[in-house]
């Protein structure tokens, strides 16, 4: 599946997406992602700062985890589109 652009959604709207799993331990992610190309978005908390982080977890040969970072440009674009 190809994503041209992912829009940031309010957390309530994220909960409606089948790929969003909320707070989910990494060990559980490995159990859920079984086929190459499987993915999900989950919430985790930074151990040092306790800050909430969104993580994209993907299975492509091996499990990979990417922290989703919100850029200032995304905030500006959302403000202009409302």
N, C-alpha and C. Protein backbone atom coordinates (compact mmCIF):
# COMPACT_ATOMS: atom_id res chain seq x y z
N UNK A 1 0.85 -1.18 0.00
CA UNK A 1 0.00 0.00 0.00
C UNK A 1 0.89 1.24 0.00
N UNK A 2 0.61 2.20 -0.84
CA UNK A 2 1.40 3.42 -0.95
C UNK A 2 0.63 4.59 -0.36
N UNK A 3 1.33 5.41 0.40
CA UNK A 3 0.72 6.60 0.98
C UNK A 3 1.37 7.82 0.35
N UNK A 4 0.60 8.61 -0.37
CA UNK A 4 1.12 9.84 -0.92
C UNK A 4 1.38 10.85 0.18
N UNK A 5 0.43 10.95 1.10
CA UNK A 5 0.57 11.89 2.20
C UNK A 5 -0.40 11.47 3.30
N UNK A 6 0.11 11.38 4.51
CA UNK A 6 -0.74 11.06 5.65
C UNK A 6 -1.13 12.36 6.34
N UNK A 7 -2.38 12.55 6.57
CA UNK A 7 -2.83 13.73 7.30
C UNK A 7 -2.89 13.41 8.78
N UNK A 8 -2.51 14.37 9.61
CA UNK A 8 -2.64 14.21 11.05
C UNK A 8 -4.12 14.31 11.38
N UNK A 9 -4.59 13.41 12.21
CA UNK A 9 -5.99 13.42 12.63
C UNK A 9 -6.04 13.56 14.14
N UNK A 10 -7.16 14.01 14.61
CA UNK A 10 -7.37 14.04 16.05
C UNK A 10 -7.35 12.61 16.55
N UNK A 11 -6.91 12.40 17.79
CA UNK A 11 -6.77 11.05 18.31
C UNK A 11 -8.08 10.28 18.25
N UNK A 12 -9.20 10.92 18.49
CA UNK A 12 -10.49 10.24 18.40
C UNK A 12 -10.73 9.67 17.02
N UNK A 13 -10.34 10.42 15.98
CA UNK A 13 -10.49 9.93 14.61
C UNK A 13 -9.52 8.79 14.33
N UNK A 14 -8.34 8.83 14.92
CA UNK A 14 -7.38 7.74 14.75
C UNK A 14 -7.93 6.43 15.27
N UNK A 15 -8.65 6.48 16.37
CA UNK A 15 -9.18 5.26 16.97
C UNK A 15 -10.14 4.53 16.04
N UNK A 16 -10.69 5.20 15.05
CA UNK A 16 -11.61 4.59 14.10
C UNK A 16 -10.88 3.84 12.99
N UNK A 17 -9.58 4.06 12.84
CA UNK A 17 -8.80 3.42 11.78
C UNK A 17 -8.40 2.01 12.20
N UNK A 18 -8.51 1.05 11.27
CA UNK A 18 -8.19 -0.34 11.62
C UNK A 18 -6.69 -0.54 11.86
N UNK A 19 -5.85 0.35 11.36
CA UNK A 19 -4.41 0.22 11.55
C UNK A 19 -3.92 0.88 12.83
N UNK A 20 -4.80 1.57 13.54
CA UNK A 20 -4.41 2.23 14.80
C UNK A 20 -4.72 1.31 15.97
N UNK A 21 -3.74 1.08 16.84
CA UNK A 21 -3.90 0.13 17.94
C UNK A 21 -3.70 0.74 19.32
N UNK A 22 -3.61 2.04 19.43
CA UNK A 22 -3.46 2.66 20.74
C UNK A 22 -2.17 2.23 21.42
N UNK A 23 -2.20 2.14 22.75
CA UNK A 23 -1.01 1.72 23.50
C UNK A 23 -0.85 0.22 23.30
N UNK A 24 0.32 -0.16 22.81
CA UNK A 24 0.56 -1.57 22.48
C UNK A 24 2.05 -1.85 22.67
N UNK A 25 2.39 -2.83 23.50
CA UNK A 25 3.81 -3.17 23.70
C UNK A 25 4.44 -3.72 22.42
N UNK A 26 5.72 -3.50 22.27
CA UNK A 26 6.44 -3.96 21.08
C UNK A 26 6.31 -5.47 20.89
N UNK A 27 6.32 -6.22 21.96
CA UNK A 27 6.20 -7.67 21.88
C UNK A 27 4.87 -8.08 21.23
N UNK A 28 3.81 -7.35 21.55
CA UNK A 28 2.50 -7.63 20.96
C UNK A 28 2.49 -7.26 19.47
N UNK A 29 3.20 -6.19 19.12
CA UNK A 29 3.31 -5.79 17.72
C UNK A 29 3.92 -6.92 16.91
N UNK A 30 4.96 -7.53 17.43
CA UNK A 30 5.63 -8.63 16.71
C UNK A 30 4.68 -9.80 16.51
N UNK A 31 3.78 -10.02 17.43
CA UNK A 31 2.81 -11.10 17.30
C UNK A 31 1.75 -10.77 16.23
N UNK A 32 1.37 -9.49 16.13
CA UNK A 32 0.32 -9.07 15.20
C UNK A 32 0.79 -8.95 13.75
N UNK A 33 2.03 -8.50 13.57
CA UNK A 33 2.55 -8.29 12.21
C UNK A 33 3.23 -9.57 11.75
N UNK A 34 2.56 -10.33 10.88
CA UNK A 34 3.08 -11.65 10.50
C UNK A 34 3.45 -11.76 9.02
N UNK A 35 2.92 -10.90 8.18
CA UNK A 35 3.19 -10.96 6.74
C UNK A 35 3.93 -9.71 6.29
N UNK A 36 4.87 -9.89 5.35
CA UNK A 36 5.56 -8.72 4.80
C UNK A 36 4.53 -7.70 4.32
N UNK A 37 4.73 -6.45 4.71
CA UNK A 37 3.81 -5.39 4.32
C UNK A 37 2.80 -5.06 5.40
N UNK A 38 2.65 -5.91 6.42
CA UNK A 38 1.75 -5.59 7.54
C UNK A 38 2.28 -4.37 8.28
N UNK A 39 1.38 -3.52 8.75
CA UNK A 39 1.78 -2.32 9.48
C UNK A 39 0.70 -1.94 10.46
N UNK A 40 1.08 -1.10 11.43
CA UNK A 40 0.11 -0.51 12.35
C UNK A 40 0.74 0.74 12.95
N UNK A 41 -0.10 1.59 13.51
CA UNK A 41 0.34 2.77 14.26
C UNK A 41 -0.08 2.55 15.69
N UNK A 42 0.82 2.85 16.61
CA UNK A 42 0.55 2.64 18.04
C UNK A 42 1.08 3.81 18.84
N UNK A 43 0.69 3.84 20.09
CA UNK A 43 1.17 4.86 21.02
C UNK A 43 2.17 4.21 21.97
N UNK A 44 3.23 4.93 22.25
CA UNK A 44 4.18 4.53 23.27
C UNK A 44 4.56 5.78 24.06
N UNK A 45 5.23 5.60 25.16
CA UNK A 45 5.66 6.72 25.98
C UNK A 45 7.17 6.70 26.11
N UNK A 46 7.80 7.83 25.87
CA UNK A 46 9.24 7.97 25.99
C UNK A 46 9.67 7.67 27.41
N UNK A 47 10.61 6.77 27.58
CA UNK A 47 11.05 6.37 28.93
C UNK A 47 11.69 7.52 29.69
N UNK A 48 12.39 8.41 29.01
CA UNK A 48 13.09 9.50 29.68
C UNK A 48 12.17 10.66 30.02
N UNK A 49 11.22 10.98 29.12
CA UNK A 49 10.41 12.18 29.30
C UNK A 49 8.94 11.90 29.59
N UNK A 50 8.51 10.65 29.41
CA UNK A 50 7.10 10.24 29.57
C UNK A 50 6.20 10.90 28.51
N UNK A 51 6.80 11.48 27.48
CA UNK A 51 6.04 12.10 26.39
C UNK A 51 5.39 11.03 25.52
N UNK A 52 4.13 11.28 25.13
CA UNK A 52 3.42 10.37 24.24
C UNK A 52 4.03 10.46 22.85
N UNK A 53 4.25 9.28 22.24
CA UNK A 53 4.79 9.23 20.89
C UNK A 53 3.95 8.27 20.05
N UNK A 54 3.80 8.61 18.78
CA UNK A 54 3.14 7.72 17.84
C UNK A 54 4.23 6.98 17.08
N UNK A 55 4.05 5.68 16.90
CA UNK A 55 5.05 4.84 16.26
C UNK A 55 4.41 4.07 15.11
N UNK A 56 5.06 4.10 13.96
CA UNK A 56 4.66 3.27 12.82
C UNK A 56 5.50 2.01 12.90
N UNK A 57 4.84 0.86 13.04
CA UNK A 57 5.52 -0.43 13.08
C UNK A 57 5.19 -1.18 11.81
N UNK A 58 6.23 -1.74 11.17
CA UNK A 58 6.10 -2.38 9.86
C UNK A 58 6.85 -3.70 9.88
N UNK A 59 6.30 -4.68 9.18
CA UNK A 59 7.04 -5.92 8.94
C UNK A 59 7.44 -5.93 7.47
N UNK A 60 8.72 -5.87 7.23
CA UNK A 60 9.28 -6.00 5.89
C UNK A 60 10.61 -6.71 6.06
N UNK A 61 10.59 -8.00 5.92
CA UNK A 61 11.71 -8.90 6.22
C UNK A 61 11.93 -9.01 7.73
N UNK A 62 12.03 -7.86 8.41
CA UNK A 62 12.11 -7.84 9.87
C UNK A 62 11.17 -6.76 10.38
N UNK A 63 10.93 -6.76 11.67
CA UNK A 63 10.09 -5.72 12.27
C UNK A 63 10.89 -4.43 12.38
N UNK A 64 10.25 -3.34 11.97
CA UNK A 64 10.88 -2.02 12.05
C UNK A 64 9.89 -1.08 12.73
N UNK A 65 10.43 -0.13 13.51
CA UNK A 65 9.60 0.80 14.26
C UNK A 65 10.11 2.21 14.02
N UNK A 66 9.21 3.11 13.63
CA UNK A 66 9.56 4.48 13.31
C UNK A 66 8.72 5.44 14.15
N UNK A 67 9.38 6.32 14.88
CA UNK A 67 8.66 7.34 15.64
C UNK A 67 8.17 8.40 14.64
N UNK A 68 6.89 8.70 14.70
CA UNK A 68 6.29 9.71 13.83
C UNK A 68 6.48 11.07 14.48
N UNK A 69 7.18 11.94 13.79
CA UNK A 69 7.45 13.27 14.33
C UNK A 69 6.61 14.30 13.61
N UNK A 70 5.99 15.15 14.37
CA UNK A 70 5.16 16.22 13.80
C UNK A 70 6.08 17.39 13.48
N UNK A 71 6.05 17.82 12.23
CA UNK A 71 6.91 18.93 11.83
C UNK A 71 6.13 20.24 11.93
N UNK A 72 6.84 21.35 12.08
CA UNK A 72 6.16 22.66 12.11
C UNK A 72 5.38 22.92 10.83
N UNK A 73 5.85 22.40 9.70
CA UNK A 73 5.14 22.62 8.43
C UNK A 73 3.78 21.96 8.45
N UNK A 74 3.66 20.80 9.10
CA UNK A 74 2.36 20.12 9.19
C UNK A 74 1.41 20.98 10.00
N UNK A 75 1.87 21.54 11.11
CA UNK A 75 1.02 22.40 11.93
C UNK A 75 0.55 23.60 11.12
N UNK A 76 1.45 24.19 10.38
CA UNK A 76 1.10 25.36 9.56
C UNK A 76 0.08 24.98 8.49
N UNK A 77 0.26 23.84 7.84
CA UNK A 77 -0.66 23.40 6.79
C UNK A 77 -2.05 23.15 7.37
N UNK A 78 -2.10 22.52 8.54
CA UNK A 78 -3.40 22.26 9.16
C UNK A 78 -4.10 23.58 9.49
N UNK A 79 -3.36 24.56 9.96
CA UNK A 79 -3.95 25.84 10.31
C UNK A 79 -4.50 26.52 9.06
N UNK A 80 -3.79 26.41 7.95
CA UNK A 80 -4.24 27.06 6.71
C UNK A 80 -5.45 26.36 6.11
N UNK A 81 -5.60 25.06 6.32
CA UNK A 81 -6.69 24.30 5.72
C UNK A 81 -7.98 24.37 6.53
N UNK A 82 -7.98 24.94 7.70
CA UNK A 82 -9.21 24.97 8.50
C UNK A 82 -10.00 26.22 8.27
